[in-house]
Amino acid sequence: MRHSSAYGFGSLQGLEDEQLRSLSPSIFADRASSQTSGRYEFIPTSAVVAGFKTQGWLPVLAKETKVRNPDKKDFCKHMIRFRHRDDLDKTKGAVAVGDLVPEIVLVNSHDGSSSFQLHAGIFRFVCSNGMVVADSTIQNHRIRHTGQVVNDAIDAVFEIVEETPKVFNQIENYRAITLEQNEQEIFAESALMLRWPEEDRPFIPAQILSSRRRDDQSPDLWTVFNRIQENLLRGGMRGRRVNEYGRIQRTTSRAIKSVSEDLRLNKALWTFTEKFAALKS
């Protein structure tokens, strides 16, 4: 997996093409995989990136899925996160809600395994967390590989941006909801189930609820969600499990680097948060 957590804080230019290429060569594929069907029309992701730039949306992170098949190596599923030029530097741009700015998340592949997908994203400066909003809040857009991809993708971006205020209103509601300790543990237990089966889980809810910074200790729903999301996706938690020989084995959780798993976990956590908010209200 090629992966970077370097967001363009100090630059209003985003990632340059050579940086994108080093993080995800598949973005710049000049043809489709030979395994695609004859109906597949090749549209390079780089063309969509160029189109987004004309609208002020600049790439700030890219990664791609590691594949074992060498025939798919340069065509695999990849993800790019875009932030508007006005929001790239929070000291110069407009920060939408406190330390949050909207992002556009693009997913694609050139091996036929994925259509062009566009998702609403949220970036939190304080912990460099990139979240993905669940479809129940803003519908994601899937775009077929046709000659109209670039224009259709740009149109989808405008639709997502129009819906973004609804997301920030939700976040304000989450900040106003306080979770009791037992409610936090229920949330954490549900989140752990997303990654590890109960019978083979080396971690406990208290670990995924732990705060990595002093300002993240509040019991409000938004802060609890952020603590859980960061611990679940970033890894680094230390736990113990019993191996097949009955011996205690120490383990450390790994960061999520898979494009598909990143989206799945982010959307599931967002949905959990929506449901908790509905129950509390």
C-alpha atoms as a PDB file:
ATOM      1  CA  MET A   1       0.000   0.000   0.000  1.00  0.00           C
ATOM      2  CA  ARG A   2       1.298   3.415  -0.892  1.00  0.00           C
ATOM      3  CA  HIS A   3      -0.084   5.816   1.659  1.00  0.00           C
ATOM      4  CA  SER A   4       0.566   9.315   2.927  1.00  0.00           C
ATOM      5  CA  SER A   5      -0.973  11.287   5.749  1.00  0.00           C
ATOM      6  CA  ALA A   6       0.589  14.540   4.562  1.00  0.00           C
ATOM      7  CA  TYR A   7      -2.140  17.083   3.957  1.00  0.00           C
ATOM      8  CA  GLY A   8      -1.165  20.380   2.354  1.00  0.00           C
ATOM      9  CA  PHE A   9      -1.422  22.667   5.376  1.00  0.00           C
ATOM     10  CA  GLY A  10       0.974  25.375   4.283  1.00  0.00           C
ATOM     11  CA  SER A  11       0.404  25.269   0.536  1.00  0.00           C
ATOM     12  CA  LEU A  12      -2.411  26.718  -1.504  1.00  0.00           C
ATOM     13  CA  GLN A  13      -1.407  24.517  -4.440  1.00  0.00           C
ATOM     14  CA  GLY A  14      -2.259  21.074  -3.046  1.00  0.00           C
ATOM     15  CA  LEU A  15      -0.227  18.061  -4.122  1.00  0.00           C
ATOM     16  CA  GLU A  16       1.744  18.371  -7.342  1.00  0.00           C
ATOM     17  CA  ASP A  17       1.362  15.740 -10.067  1.00  0.00           C
ATOM     18  CA  GLU A  18       4.695  14.151  -9.239  1.00  0.00           C
ATOM     19  CA  GLN A  19       3.633  13.780  -5.595  1.00  0.00           C
ATOM     20  CA  LEU A  20       0.337  12.208  -6.656  1.00  0.00           C
ATOM     21  CA  ARG A  21       2.195   9.860  -8.978  1.00  0.00           C
ATOM     22  CA  SER A  22       4.484   8.667  -6.184  1.00  0.00           C
ATOM     23  CA  LEU A  23       1.513   8.041  -3.874  1.00  0.00           C
ATOM     24  CA  SER A  24      -0.759   6.429  -6.456  1.00  0.00           C
ATOM     25  CA  PRO A  25       0.610   5.655  -9.940  1.00  0.00           C
ATOM     26  CA  SER A  26      -2.802   4.329 -10.991  1.00  0.00           C
ATOM     27  CA  ILE A  27      -4.119   7.894 -11.115  1.00  0.00           C
ATOM     28  CA  PHE A  28      -1.961   8.444 -14.185  1.00  0.00           C
ATOM     29  CA  ALA A  29      -2.686   5.196 -16.033  1.00  0.00           C
ATOM     30  CA  ASP A  30      -2.611   5.818 -19.783  1.00  0.00           C
ATOM     31  CA  ARG A  31      -4.828   2.866 -20.617  1.00  0.00           C
ATOM     32  CA  ALA A  32      -7.247   0.465 -18.971  1.00  0.00           C
ATOM     33  CA  SER A  33      -6.299  -2.969 -17.708  1.00  0.00           C
ATOM     34  CA  SER A  34      -6.473  -5.691 -20.332  1.00  0.00           C
ATOM     35  CA  GLN A  35      -8.966  -7.447 -18.047  1.00  0.00           C
ATOM     36  CA  THR A  36     -11.674  -4.827 -18.604  1.00  0.00           C
ATOM     37  CA  SER A  37     -14.528  -5.561 -21.011  1.00  0.00           C
ATOM     38  CA  GLY A  38     -14.891  -4.112 -24.480  1.00  0.00           C
ATOM     39  CA  ARG A  39     -17.655  -1.827 -23.193  1.00  0.00           C
ATOM     40  CA  TYR A  40     -15.294  -0.129 -20.763  1.00  0.00           C
ATOM     41  CA  GLU A  41     -14.350   3.368 -21.928  1.00  0.00           C
ATOM     42  CA  PHE A  42     -11.037   4.495 -20.487  1.00  0.00           C
ATOM     43  CA  ILE A  43     -11.075   7.928 -18.836  1.00  0.00           C
ATOM     44  CA  PRO A  44      -7.907   8.602 -16.788  1.00  0.00           C
ATOM     45  CA  THR A  45      -8.395   9.783 -13.222  1.00  0.00           C
ATOM     46  CA  SER A  46      -5.769  12.431 -13.945  1.00  0.00           C
ATOM     47  CA  ALA A  47      -8.252  14.091 -16.327  1.00  0.00           C
ATOM     48  CA  VAL A  48     -10.781  14.402 -13.500  1.00  0.00           C
ATOM     49  CA  VAL A  49      -8.078  15.795 -11.193  1.00  0.00           C
ATOM     50  CA  ALA A  50      -7.279  18.438 -13.806  1.00  0.00           C
ATOM     51  CA  GLY A  51     -10.982  19.269 -14.132  1.00  0.00           C
ATOM     52  CA  PHE A  52     -11.369  19.646 -10.370  1.00  0.00           C
ATOM     53  CA  LYS A  53      -8.406  22.018 -10.248  1.00  0.00           C
ATOM     54  CA  THR A  54     -10.172  24.379 -12.642  1.00  0.00           C
ATOM     55  CA  GLN A  55     -12.940  24.630 -10.019  1.00  0.00           C
ATOM     56  CA  GLY A  56     -10.535  25.304  -7.162  1.00  0.00           C
ATOM     57  CA  TRP A  57     -10.619  21.741  -5.734  1.00  0.00           C
ATOM     58  CA  LEU A  58      -7.046  20.603  -5.155  1.00  0.00           C
ATOM     59  CA  PRO A  59      -5.759  17.122  -4.203  1.00  0.00           C
ATOM     60  CA  VAL A  60      -4.391  16.891  -0.654  1.00  0.00           C
ATOM     61  CA  LEU A  61      -4.048  13.122  -0.140  1.00  0.00           C
ATOM     62  CA  ALA A  62      -3.873  10.041  -2.342  1.00  0.00           C
ATOM     63  CA  LYS A  63      -3.485   6.333  -1.763  1.00  0.00           C
ATOM     64  CA  GLU A  64      -4.151   3.114  -3.620  1.00  0.00           C
ATOM     65  CA  THR A  65      -4.868  -0.499  -2.834  1.00  0.00           C
ATOM     66  CA  LYS A  66      -2.036  -2.985  -2.838  1.00  0.00           C
ATOM     67  CA  VAL A  67      -2.655  -5.787  -5.322  1.00  0.00           C
ATOM     68  CA  ARG A  68      -0.846  -9.088  -5.749  1.00  0.00           C
ATOM     69  CA  ASN A  69      -1.664  -9.547  -9.406  1.00  0.00           C
ATOM     70  CA  PRO A  70       1.056  -7.731 -11.393  1.00  0.00           C
ATOM     71  CA  ASP A  71      -1.391  -7.233 -14.263  1.00  0.00           C
ATOM     72  CA  LYS A  72      -3.472  -4.957 -11.996  1.00  0.00           C
ATOM     73  CA  LYS A  73      -0.612  -3.120 -10.314  1.00  0.00           C
ATOM     74  CA  ASP A  74      -0.937   0.128 -12.277  1.00  0.00           C
ATOM     75  CA  PHE A  75      -4.723   0.042 -12.608  1.00  0.00           C
ATOM     76  CA  CYS A  76      -5.904  -0.666  -9.045  1.00  0.00           C
ATOM     77  CA  LYS A  77      -8.469   1.119  -6.893  1.00  0.00           C
ATOM     78  CA  HIS A  78      -7.290   4.501  -5.655  1.00  0.00           C
ATOM     79  CA  MET A  79      -8.605   7.333  -3.509  1.00  0.00           C
ATOM     80  CA  ILE A  80      -7.950  11.064  -3.704  1.00  0.00           C
ATOM     81  CA  ARG A  81      -9.160  13.644  -1.197  1.00  0.00           C
ATOM     82  CA  PHE A  82      -9.705  17.189  -2.481  1.00  0.00           C
ATOM     83  CA  ARG A  83     -10.026  20.395  -0.519  1.00  0.00           C
ATOM     84  CA  HIS A  84     -11.020  23.761  -1.911  1.00  0.00           C
ATOM     85  CA  ARG A  85      -8.228  26.269  -2.361  1.00  0.00           C
ATOM     86  CA  ASP A  86      -9.891  28.625   0.147  1.00  0.00           C
ATOM     87  CA  ASP A  87      -9.707  25.952   2.845  1.00  0.00           C
ATOM     88  CA  LEU A  88      -6.228  24.545   2.254  1.00  0.00           C
ATOM     89  CA  ASP A  89      -4.596  26.797   4.830  1.00  0.00           C
ATOM     90  CA  LYS A  90      -6.842  27.296   7.836  1.00  0.00           C
ATOM     91  CA  THR A  91      -4.982  30.482   8.775  1.00  0.00           C
ATOM     92  CA  LYS A  92      -5.900  32.008   5.408  1.00  0.00           C
ATOM     93  CA  GLY A  93      -9.006  30.203   4.279  1.00  0.00           C
ATOM     94  CA  ALA A  94     -12.556  30.013   5.579  1.00  0.00           C
ATOM     95  CA  VAL A  95     -12.953  27.233   8.146  1.00  0.00           C
ATOM     96  CA  ALA A  96     -16.547  26.077   7.988  1.00  0.00           C
ATOM     97  CA  VAL A  97     -17.171  24.912  11.574  1.00  0.00           C
ATOM     98  CA  GLY A  98     -14.398  25.458  14.090  1.00  0.00           C
ATOM     99  CA  ASP A  99     -11.544  23.244  12.984  1.00  0.00           C
ATOM    100  CA  LEU A 100     -13.482  21.512  10.183  1.00  0.00           C
ATOM    101  CA  VAL A 101     -13.490  21.949   6.415  1.00  0.00           C
ATOM    102  CA  PRO A 102     -15.367  20.088   3.680  1.00  0.00           C
ATOM    103  CA  GLU A 103     -13.595  17.742   1.294  1.00  0.00           C
ATOM    104  CA  ILE A 104     -14.489  15.768  -1.811  1.00  0.00           C
ATOM    105  CA  VAL A 105     -13.401  12.107  -1.825  1.00  0.00           C
ATOM    106  CA  LEU A 106     -12.877  10.493  -5.231  1.00  0.00           C
ATOM    107  CA  VAL A 107     -12.518   6.722  -5.688  1.00  0.00           C
ATOM    108  CA  ASN A 108     -11.772   5.036  -9.000  1.00  0.00           C
ATOM    109  CA  SER A 109      -9.915   2.197 -10.660  1.00  0.00           C
ATOM    110  CA  HIS A 110      -8.834   1.295 -14.173  1.00  0.00           C
ATOM    111  CA  ASP A 111      -9.257  -2.466 -13.822  1.00  0.00           C
ATOM    112  CA  GLY A 112     -13.047  -2.466 -13.891  1.00  0.00           C
ATOM    113  CA  SER A 113     -13.380  -3.058 -10.139  1.00  0.00           C
ATOM    114  CA  SER A 114     -14.823   0.376  -9.401  1.00  0.00           C
ATOM    115  CA  SER A 115     -16.790   3.113 -11.088  1.00  0.00           C
ATOM    116  CA  PHE A 116     -15.930   6.747 -10.485  1.00  0.00           C
ATOM    117  CA  GLN A 117     -17.292   7.484  -7.007  1.00  0.00           C
ATOM    118  CA  LEU A 118     -17.594  10.841  -5.284  1.00  0.00           C
ATOM    119  CA  HIS A 119     -18.270  11.140  -1.558  1.00  0.00           C
ATOM    120  CA  ALA A 120     -18.640  14.060   0.822  1.00  0.00           C
ATOM    121  CA  GLY A 121     -15.733  14.269   3.263  1.00  0.00           C
ATOM    122  CA  ILE A 122     -14.882  16.268   6.371  1.00  0.00           C
ATOM    123  CA  PHE A 123     -11.337  17.107   7.473  1.00  0.00           C
ATOM    124  CA  ARG A 124     -10.567  17.900  11.107  1.00  0.00           C
ATOM    125  CA  PHE A 125      -7.392  19.949  11.488  1.00  0.00           C
ATOM    126  CA  VAL A 126      -6.631  19.233  15.140  1.00  0.00           C
ATOM    127  CA  CYS A 127      -5.998  15.527  14.578  1.00  0.00           C
ATOM    128  CA  SER A 128      -5.527  15.408  10.788  1.00  0.00           C
ATOM    129  CA  ASN A 129      -8.529  13.086  10.542  1.00  0.00           C
ATOM    130  CA  GLY A 130     -10.250  12.635   7.216  1.00  0.00           C
ATOM    131  CA  MET A 131     -13.847  11.482   7.619  1.00  0.00           C
ATOM    132  CA  VAL A 132     -16.366  10.330   5.025  1.00  0.00           C
ATOM    133  CA  VAL A 133     -20.020  11.262   5.403  1.00  0.00           C
ATOM    134  CA  ALA A 134     -22.553   8.429   5.227  1.00  0.00           C
ATOM    135  CA  ASP A 135     -24.845   8.150   2.229  1.00  0.00           C
ATOM    136  CA  SER A 136     -27.843   8.652   4.489  1.00  0.00           C
ATOM    137  CA  THR A 137     -26.693  12.264   4.954  1.00  0.00           C
ATOM    138  CA  ILE A 138     -25.366  13.056   1.477  1.00  0.00           C
ATOM    139  CA  GLN A 139     -25.876  10.570  -1.311  1.00  0.00           C
ATOM    140  CA  ASN A 140     -22.644   9.487  -2.961  1.00  0.00           C
ATOM    141  CA  HIS A 141     -22.344   9.763  -6.723  1.00  0.00           C
ATOM    142  CA  ARG A 142     -21.317   6.881  -8.978  1.00  0.00           C
ATOM    143  CA  ILE A 143     -20.346   7.862 -12.490  1.00  0.00           C
ATOM    144  CA  ARG A 144     -19.980   5.487 -15.414  1.00  0.00           C
ATOM    145  CA  HIS A 145     -16.796   5.404 -17.459  1.00  0.00           C
ATOM    146  CA  THR A 146     -17.943   7.427 -20.447  1.00  0.00           C
ATOM    147  CA  GLY A 147     -16.709  10.452 -22.345  1.00  0.00           C
ATOM    148  CA  GLN A 148     -18.762  12.684 -20.023  1.00  0.00           C
ATOM    149  CA  VAL A 149     -16.962  11.626 -16.829  1.00  0.00           C
ATOM    150  CA  VAL A 150     -15.145  14.892 -16.195  1.00  0.00           C
ATOM    151  CA  ASN A 151     -18.227  17.086 -16.650  1.00  0.00           C
ATOM    152  CA  ASP A 152     -20.425  14.676 -14.700  1.00  0.00           C
ATOM    153  CA  ALA A 153     -17.902  14.577 -11.859  1.00  0.00           C
ATOM    154  CA  ILE A 154     -17.735  18.370 -11.659  1.00  0.00           C
ATOM    155  CA  ASP A 155     -21.541  18.550 -11.621  1.00  0.00           C
ATOM    156  CA  ALA A 156     -21.573  16.010  -8.779  1.00  0.00           C
ATOM    157  CA  VAL A 157     -19.118  18.142  -6.794  1.00  0.00           C
ATOM    158  CA  PHE A 158     -21.466  21.114  -6.994  1.00  0.00           C
ATOM    159  CA  GLU A 159     -24.339  18.917  -5.794  1.00  0.00           C
ATOM    160  CA  ILE A 160     -22.290  17.691  -2.834  1.00  0.00           C
ATOM    161  CA  VAL A 161     -21.216  21.235  -1.938  1.00  0.00           C
ATOM    162  CA  GLU A 162     -24.850  22.392  -1.940  1.00  0.00           C
ATOM    163  CA  GLU A 163     -25.667  19.674   0.596  1.00  0.00           C
ATOM    164  CA  THR A 164     -22.635  20.307   2.823  1.00  0.00           C
ATOM    165  CA  PRO A 165     -24.321  22.865   5.148  1.00  0.00           C
ATOM    166  CA  LYS A 166     -26.668  20.062   6.216  1.00  0.00           C
ATOM    167  CA  VAL A 167     -23.650  18.070   7.417  1.00  0.00           C
ATOM    168  CA  PHE A 168     -22.283  20.953   9.478  1.00  0.00           C
ATOM    169  CA  ASN A 169     -25.702  21.480  11.032  1.00  0.00           C
ATOM    170  CA  GLN A 170     -25.658  17.819  12.040  1.00  0.00           C
ATOM    171  CA  ILE A 171     -22.231  18.235  13.596  1.00  0.00           C
ATOM    172  CA  GLU A 172     -23.476  21.145  15.694  1.00  0.00           C
ATOM    173  CA  ASN A 173     -26.329  18.930  16.896  1.00  0.00           C
ATOM    174  CA  TYR A 174     -23.851  16.171  17.795  1.00  0.00           C
ATOM    175  CA  ARG A 175     -21.814  18.637  19.830  1.00  0.00           C
ATOM    176  CA  ALA A 176     -24.909  19.491  21.857  1.00  0.00           C
ATOM    177  CA  ILE A 177     -25.604  15.835  22.791  1.00  0.00           C
ATOM    178  CA  THR A 178     -23.931  14.421  25.904  1.00  0.00           C
ATOM    179  CA  LEU A 179     -23.329  10.675  26.164  1.00  0.00           C
ATOM    180  CA  GLU A 180     -23.299   8.949  29.538  1.00  0.00           C
ATOM    181  CA  GLN A 181     -20.370   6.625  30.183  1.00  0.00           C
ATOM    182  CA  ASN A 182     -22.400   3.496  29.474  1.00  0.00           C
ATOM    183  CA  GLU A 183     -23.599   5.024  26.192  1.00  0.00           C
ATOM    184  CA  GLN A 184     -20.027   5.765  25.178  1.00  0.00           C
ATOM    185  CA  GLU A 185     -19.108   2.150  25.889  1.00  0.00           C
ATOM    186  CA  ILE A 186     -22.008   0.894  23.757  1.00  0.00           C
ATOM    187  CA  PHE A 187     -20.824   3.096  20.889  1.00  0.00           C
ATOM    188  CA  ALA A 188     -17.240   1.845  21.324  1.00  0.00           C
ATOM    189  CA  GLU A 189     -18.338  -1.797  21.487  1.00  0.00           C
ATOM    190  CA  SER A 190     -20.273  -1.394  18.239  1.00  0.00           C
ATOM    191  CA  ALA A 191     -17.267   0.244  16.578  1.00  0.00           C
ATOM    192  CA  LEU A 192     -14.925  -2.540  17.667  1.00  0.00           C
ATOM    193  CA  MET A 193     -17.261  -5.083  16.065  1.00  0.00           C
ATOM    194  CA  LEU A 194     -16.683  -3.383  12.727  1.00  0.00           C
ATOM    195  CA  ARG A 195     -13.022  -4.456  12.731  1.00  0.00           C
ATOM    196  CA  TRP A 196     -12.638  -7.485  14.977  1.00  0.00           C
ATOM    197  CA  PRO A 197     -14.945 -10.452  15.680  1.00  0.00           C
ATOM    198  CA  GLU A 198     -15.996 -10.614  19.311  1.00  0.00           C
ATOM    199  CA  GLU A 199     -14.360 -14.000  19.918  1.00  0.00           C
ATOM    200  CA  ASP A 200     -10.976 -12.774  18.680  1.00  0.00           C
ATOM    201  CA  ARG A 201     -10.911  -9.175  19.860  1.00  0.00           C
ATOM    202  CA  PRO A 202      -7.693  -8.054  21.577  1.00  0.00           C
ATOM    203  CA  PHE A 203      -9.031  -4.629  22.576  1.00  0.00           C
ATOM    204  CA  ILE A 204     -11.645  -3.257  24.967  1.00  0.00           C
ATOM    205  CA  PRO A 205     -14.011  -0.273  24.630  1.00  0.00           C
ATOM    206  CA  ALA A 206     -11.962   1.857  27.047  1.00  0.00           C
ATOM    207  CA  GLN A 207      -9.038   1.769  24.615  1.00  0.00           C
ATOM    208  CA  ILE A 208     -10.993   2.984  21.621  1.00  0.00           C
ATOM    209  CA  LEU A 209     -12.552   5.697  23.797  1.00  0.00           C
ATOM    210  CA  SER A 210      -9.194   7.008  24.991  1.00  0.00           C
ATOM    211  CA  SER A 211      -8.223  10.530  24.017  1.00  0.00           C
ATOM    212  CA  ARG A 212      -4.973  11.312  22.222  1.00  0.00           C
ATOM    213  CA  ARG A 213      -5.151  14.996  23.201  1.00  0.00           C
ATOM    214  CA  ARG A 214      -6.505  16.993  26.122  1.00  0.00           C
ATOM    215  CA  ASP A 215      -9.131  18.846  24.071  1.00  0.00           C
ATOM    216  CA  ASP A 216     -10.775  15.570  23.021  1.00  0.00           C
ATOM    217  CA  GLN A 217     -11.986  14.483  26.461  1.00  0.00           C
ATOM    218  CA  SER A 218     -15.492  15.933  26.254  1.00  0.00           C
ATOM    219  CA  PRO A 219     -18.407  13.440  26.519  1.00  0.00           C
ATOM    220  CA  ASP A 220     -20.381  15.079  23.704  1.00  0.00           C
ATOM    221  CA  LEU A 221     -21.342  12.816  20.791  1.00  0.00           C
ATOM    222  CA  TRP A 222     -19.155  14.590  18.225  1.00  0.00           C
ATOM    223  CA  THR A 223     -16.013  14.323  20.361  1.00  0.00           C
ATOM    224  CA  VAL A 224     -16.729  10.677  21.239  1.00  0.00           C
ATOM    225  CA  PHE A 225     -17.148   9.914  17.542  1.00  0.00           C
ATOM    226  CA  ASN A 226     -13.828  11.595  16.761  1.00  0.00           C
ATOM    227  CA  ARG A 227     -11.951   9.680  19.463  1.00  0.00           C
ATOM    228  CA  ILE A 228     -13.362   6.375  18.255  1.00  0.00           C
ATOM    229  CA  GLN A 229     -12.769   7.152  14.584  1.00  0.00           C
ATOM    230  CA  GLU A 230      -9.148   8.125  15.174  1.00  0.00           C
ATOM    231  CA  ASN A 231      -8.349   5.101  17.326  1.00  0.00           C
ATOM    232  CA  LEU A 232     -10.143   2.677  15.022  1.00  0.00           C
ATOM    233  CA  LEU A 233      -8.553   3.856  11.773  1.00  0.00           C
ATOM    234  CA  ARG A 234      -5.124   5.065  12.849  1.00  0.00           C
ATOM    235  CA  GLY A 235      -4.144   2.023  14.821  1.00  0.00           C
ATOM    236  CA  GLY A 236      -1.491   1.953  17.516  1.00  0.00           C
ATOM    237  CA  MET A 237      -3.656   0.390  20.234  1.00  0.00           C
ATOM    238  CA  ARG A 238      -1.909  -2.306  22.252  1.00  0.00           C
ATOM    239  CA  GLY A 239      -3.845  -5.391  23.209  1.00  0.00           C
ATOM    240  CA  ARG A 240      -3.601  -9.063  24.090  1.00  0.00           C
ATOM    241  CA  ARG A 241      -5.181 -12.172  22.629  1.00  0.00           C
ATOM    242  CA  VAL A 242      -4.966 -15.872  23.365  1.00  0.00           C
ATOM    243  CA  ASN A 243      -3.320 -17.777  20.506  1.00  0.00           C
ATOM    244  CA  GLU A 244      -4.140 -21.290  19.303  1.00  0.00           C
ATOM    245  CA  TYR A 245      -1.822 -22.765  21.935  1.00  0.00           C
ATOM    246  CA  GLY A 246      -3.591 -21.010  24.797  1.00  0.00           C
ATOM    247  CA  ARG A 247      -0.796 -18.519  25.310  1.00  0.00           C
ATOM    248  CA  ILE A 248      -1.274 -14.777  25.706  1.00  0.00           C
ATOM    249  CA  GLN A 249       0.041 -12.936  22.674  1.00  0.00           C
ATOM    250  CA  ARG A 250       0.612  -9.171  22.579  1.00  0.00           C
ATOM    251  CA  THR A 251      -0.567  -7.281  19.511  1.00  0.00           C
ATOM    252  CA  THR A 252      -0.818  -3.726  18.195  1.00  0.00           C
ATOM    253  CA  SER A 253      -3.602  -2.538  15.905  1.00  0.00           C
ATOM    254  CA  ARG A 254      -2.572  -1.446  12.435  1.00  0.00           C
ATOM    255  CA  ALA A 255      -3.673   1.681  10.630  1.00  0.00           C
ATOM    256  CA  ILE A 256      -6.318   1.230   7.947  1.00  0.00           C
ATOM    257  CA  LYS A 257      -4.708   1.652   4.544  1.00  0.00           C
ATOM    258  CA  SER A 258      -7.157  -0.134   2.279  1.00  0.00           C
ATOM    259  CA  VAL A 259      -9.269   2.239   0.179  1.00  0.00           C
ATOM    260  CA  SER A 260     -12.397   0.087   0.491  1.00  0.00           C
ATOM    261  CA  GLU A 261     -11.958  -0.475   4.226  1.00  0.00           C
ATOM    262  CA  ASP A 262     -11.344   3.238   4.834  1.00  0.00           C
ATOM    263  CA  LEU A 263     -14.665   4.072   3.189  1.00  0.00           C
ATOM    264  CA  ARG A 264     -16.538   1.221   4.872  1.00  0.00           C
ATOM    265  CA  LEU A 265     -15.429   2.063   8.398  1.00  0.00           C
ATOM    266  CA  ASN A 266     -15.870   5.800   8.006  1.00  0.00           C
ATOM    267  CA  LYS A 267     -19.386   5.478   6.644  1.00  0.00           C
ATOM    268  CA  ALA A 268     -20.388   2.909   9.243  1.00  0.00           C
ATOM    269  CA  LEU A 269     -19.134   5.105  12.094  1.00  0.00           C
ATOM    270  CA  TRP A 270     -20.986   8.090  10.677  1.00  0.00           C
ATOM    271  CA  THR A 271     -24.162   6.020  10.506  1.00  0.00           C
ATOM    272  CA  PHE A 272     -23.690   4.904  14.131  1.00  0.00           C
ATOM    273  CA  THR A 273     -23.393   8.570  15.121  1.00  0.00           C
ATOM    274  CA  GLU A 274     -26.597   9.439  13.272  1.00  0.00           C
ATOM    275  CA  LYS A 275     -28.445   6.639  15.051  1.00  0.00           C
ATOM    276  CA  PHE A 276     -27.132   7.656  18.485  1.00  0.00           C
ATOM    277  CA  ALA A 277     -28.231  11.225  17.830  1.00  0.00           C
ATOM    278  CA  ALA A 278     -31.705  10.028  16.835  1.00  0.00           C
ATOM    279  CA  LEU A 279     -31.992   7.906  19.984  1.00  0.00           C
ATOM    280  CA  LYS A 280     -30.852  10.726  22.252  1.00  0.00           C
ATOM    281  CA  SER A 281     -33.260  13.195  20.737  1.00  0.00           C
END
